[in-house]
Amino acid sequence: MVPKSSVEEEVEVPRAEEFVEVLAGAVVVGFSDDGLFILEFLKPLTRLVADKEGRIKGFKGEMQSCARIYISYVTAKKLLRTLEEQIRKYEDRFKELGV
């Protein structure tokens, strides 16, 4: 009988050439008539505003779509379960945020 190793084998997942990493500030979720869930990720697009003398007046901006992902119902359910589990771990480690 061969003893089982306690170390799990790891597989490194390579990134595609077109892989893009963006910090999204918001997400909009919906679903289409053909049964796909749509996740639209948004990022803030801000610019500094100054008067003619160069004094800073503040910031202006809007949210800009940076990625749109279509997923099936099954994938959406798996994502939901995974997010719930990861949020639980986060709150155990840090604390629950009043959102």
C-alpha atoms as a PDB file:
ATOM      1  CA  MET A   1       0.000   0.000   0.000  1.00  0.00           C
ATOM      2  CA  VAL A   2       1.393   3.393  -1.015  1.00  0.00           C
ATOM      3  CA  PRO A   3       1.017   6.134   1.632  1.00  0.00           C
ATOM      4  CA  LYS A   4      -0.942   9.197   0.504  1.00  0.00           C
ATOM      5  CA  SER A   5       0.902  12.495   0.398  1.00  0.00           C
ATOM      6  CA  SER A   6      -0.532  15.250   2.551  1.00  0.00           C
ATOM      7  CA  VAL A   7       0.587  17.845   0.007  1.00  0.00           C
ATOM      8  CA  GLU A   8      -1.895  18.450  -2.807  1.00  0.00           C
ATOM      9  CA  GLU A   9      -0.533  18.736  -6.298  1.00  0.00           C
ATOM     10  CA  GLU A  10      -0.712  22.297  -7.630  1.00  0.00           C
ATOM     11  CA  VAL A  11      -1.373  23.356 -11.186  1.00  0.00           C
ATOM     12  CA  GLU A  12      -0.297  26.825 -12.253  1.00  0.00           C
ATOM     13  CA  VAL A  13      -2.879  28.546 -14.456  1.00  0.00           C
ATOM     14  CA  PRO A  14      -1.210  30.788 -17.051  1.00  0.00           C
ATOM     15  CA  ARG A  15      -2.668  34.156 -18.047  1.00  0.00           C
ATOM     16  CA  ALA A  16      -3.832  34.694 -21.596  1.00  0.00           C
ATOM     17  CA  GLU A  17      -1.986  37.288 -23.689  1.00  0.00           C
ATOM     18  CA  GLU A  18      -5.030  39.569 -23.632  1.00  0.00           C
ATOM     19  CA  PHE A  19      -5.430  39.273 -19.826  1.00  0.00           C
ATOM     20  CA  VAL A  20      -6.209  42.635 -18.216  1.00  0.00           C
ATOM     21  CA  GLU A  21      -6.259  43.384 -14.502  1.00  0.00           C
ATOM     22  CA  VAL A  22      -8.383  46.353 -13.380  1.00  0.00           C
ATOM     23  CA  LEU A  23      -9.587  47.481  -9.966  1.00  0.00           C
ATOM     24  CA  ALA A  24     -13.329  47.932 -10.421  1.00  0.00           C
ATOM     25  CA  GLY A  25     -15.217  50.318  -8.166  1.00  0.00           C
ATOM     26  CA  ALA A  26     -18.706  48.996  -8.871  1.00  0.00           C
ATOM     27  CA  VAL A  27     -20.558  46.178 -10.570  1.00  0.00           C
ATOM     28  CA  VAL A  28     -23.983  46.042 -12.196  1.00  0.00           C
ATOM     29  CA  VAL A  29     -25.663  42.638 -12.452  1.00  0.00           C
ATOM     30  CA  GLY A  30     -28.513  41.642 -14.734  1.00  0.00           C
ATOM     31  CA  PHE A  31     -29.664  38.788 -16.919  1.00  0.00           C
ATOM     32  CA  SER A  32     -30.590  38.441 -20.547  1.00  0.00           C
ATOM     33  CA  ASP A  33     -33.576  36.847 -22.265  1.00  0.00           C
ATOM     34  CA  ASP A  34     -31.392  33.931 -23.351  1.00  0.00           C
ATOM     35  CA  GLY A  35     -30.612  32.963 -19.745  1.00  0.00           C
ATOM     36  CA  LEU A  36     -27.169  34.494 -19.315  1.00  0.00           C
ATOM     37  CA  PHE A  37     -26.194  36.606 -16.344  1.00  0.00           C
ATOM     38  CA  ILE A  38     -24.360  39.819 -17.176  1.00  0.00           C
ATOM     39  CA  LEU A  39     -21.741  41.289 -14.849  1.00  0.00           C
ATOM     40  CA  GLU A  40     -20.787  44.827 -15.901  1.00  0.00           C
ATOM     41  CA  PHE A  41     -17.737  46.081 -13.996  1.00  0.00           C
ATOM     42  CA  LEU A  42     -17.224  49.827 -13.659  1.00  0.00           C
ATOM     43  CA  LYS A  43     -14.218  51.920 -12.716  1.00  0.00           C
ATOM     44  CA  PRO A  44     -14.130  55.573 -11.729  1.00  0.00           C
ATOM     45  CA  LEU A  45     -12.826  57.906 -14.402  1.00  0.00           C
ATOM     46  CA  THR A  46     -11.850  61.088 -12.580  1.00  0.00           C
ATOM     47  CA  ARG A  47     -10.058  64.259 -13.535  1.00  0.00           C
ATOM     48  CA  LEU A  48      -8.683  67.135 -11.538  1.00  0.00           C
ATOM     49  CA  VAL A  49     -10.403  70.490 -12.036  1.00  0.00           C
ATOM     50  CA  ALA A  50      -8.546  73.782 -11.507  1.00  0.00           C
ATOM     51  CA  ASP A  51      -9.349  77.430 -12.136  1.00  0.00           C
ATOM     52  CA  LYS A  52      -7.379  79.606 -14.603  1.00  0.00           C
ATOM     53  CA  GLU A  53      -4.909  80.558 -11.874  1.00  0.00           C
ATOM     54  CA  GLY A  54      -4.129  76.896 -11.223  1.00  0.00           C
ATOM     55  CA  ARG A  55      -5.967  76.551  -7.907  1.00  0.00           C
ATOM     56  CA  ILE A  56      -7.477  73.130  -7.467  1.00  0.00           C
ATOM     57  CA  LYS A  57     -11.265  73.265  -7.415  1.00  0.00           C
ATOM     58  CA  GLY A  58     -11.887  69.549  -6.944  1.00  0.00           C
ATOM     59  CA  PHE A  59     -12.517  66.439  -8.967  1.00  0.00           C
ATOM     60  CA  LYS A  60     -15.076  65.550 -11.612  1.00  0.00           C
ATOM     61  CA  GLY A  61     -15.772  62.222 -13.131  1.00  0.00           C
ATOM     62  CA  GLU A  62     -18.054  59.370 -13.893  1.00  0.00           C
ATOM     63  CA  MET A  63     -18.087  55.609 -13.847  1.00  0.00           C
ATOM     64  CA  GLN A  64     -16.842  53.899 -17.007  1.00  0.00           C
ATOM     65  CA  SER A  65     -17.477  50.301 -18.025  1.00  0.00           C
ATOM     66  CA  CYS A  66     -14.197  48.375 -17.998  1.00  0.00           C
ATOM     67  CA  ALA A  67     -15.436  44.795 -18.447  1.00  0.00           C
ATOM     68  CA  ARG A  68     -18.613  42.902 -19.299  1.00  0.00           C
ATOM     69  CA  ILE A  69     -18.796  39.206 -18.489  1.00  0.00           C
ATOM     70  CA  TYR A  70     -21.562  36.803 -19.526  1.00  0.00           C
ATOM     71  CA  ILE A  71     -22.004  33.675 -17.392  1.00  0.00           C
ATOM     72  CA  SER A  72     -24.495  30.822 -17.292  1.00  0.00           C
ATOM     73  CA  TYR A  73     -26.992  30.224 -14.486  1.00  0.00           C
ATOM     74  CA  VAL A  74     -24.853  27.362 -13.135  1.00  0.00           C
ATOM     75  CA  THR A  75     -21.718  29.514 -13.127  1.00  0.00           C
ATOM     76  CA  ALA A  76     -23.639  32.353 -11.439  1.00  0.00           C
ATOM     77  CA  LYS A  77     -24.775  29.978  -8.658  1.00  0.00           C
ATOM     78  CA  LYS A  78     -21.199  28.734  -8.175  1.00  0.00           C
ATOM     79  CA  LEU A  79     -19.947  32.324  -8.084  1.00  0.00           C
ATOM     80  CA  LEU A  80     -22.589  33.208  -5.485  1.00  0.00           C
ATOM     81  CA  ARG A  81     -21.573  30.299  -3.226  1.00  0.00           C
ATOM     82  CA  THR A  82     -17.886  31.129  -3.592  1.00  0.00           C
ATOM     83  CA  LEU A  83     -18.456  34.815  -2.830  1.00  0.00           C
ATOM     84  CA  GLU A  84     -20.519  33.958   0.267  1.00  0.00           C
ATOM     85  CA  GLU A  85     -17.753  31.655   1.514  1.00  0.00           C
ATOM     86  CA  GLN A  86     -14.995  34.190   0.858  1.00  0.00           C
ATOM     87  CA  ILE A  87     -16.992  37.018   2.489  1.00  0.00           C
ATOM     88  CA  ARG A  88     -17.527  34.827   5.568  1.00  0.00           C
ATOM     89  CA  LYS A  89     -13.762  34.189   5.781  1.00  0.00           C
ATOM     90  CA  TYR A  90     -13.037  37.895   5.324  1.00  0.00           C
ATOM     91  CA  GLU A  91     -15.472  38.886   8.081  1.00  0.00           C
ATOM     92  CA  ASP A  92     -14.052  36.244  10.428  1.00  0.00           C
ATOM     93  CA  ARG A  93     -10.567  37.621   9.882  1.00  0.00           C
ATOM     94  CA  PHE A  94     -11.320  41.340   9.889  1.00  0.00           C
ATOM     95  CA  LYS A  95     -14.903  42.218  10.789  1.00  0.00           C
ATOM     96  CA  GLU A  96     -18.290  42.625   9.206  1.00  0.00           C
ATOM     97  CA  LEU A  97     -18.763  45.896   7.400  1.00  0.00           C
ATOM     98  CA  GLY A  98     -22.081  47.668   7.743  1.00  0.00           C
ATOM     99  CA  VAL A  99     -23.027  47.609   4.077  1.00  0.00           C
END
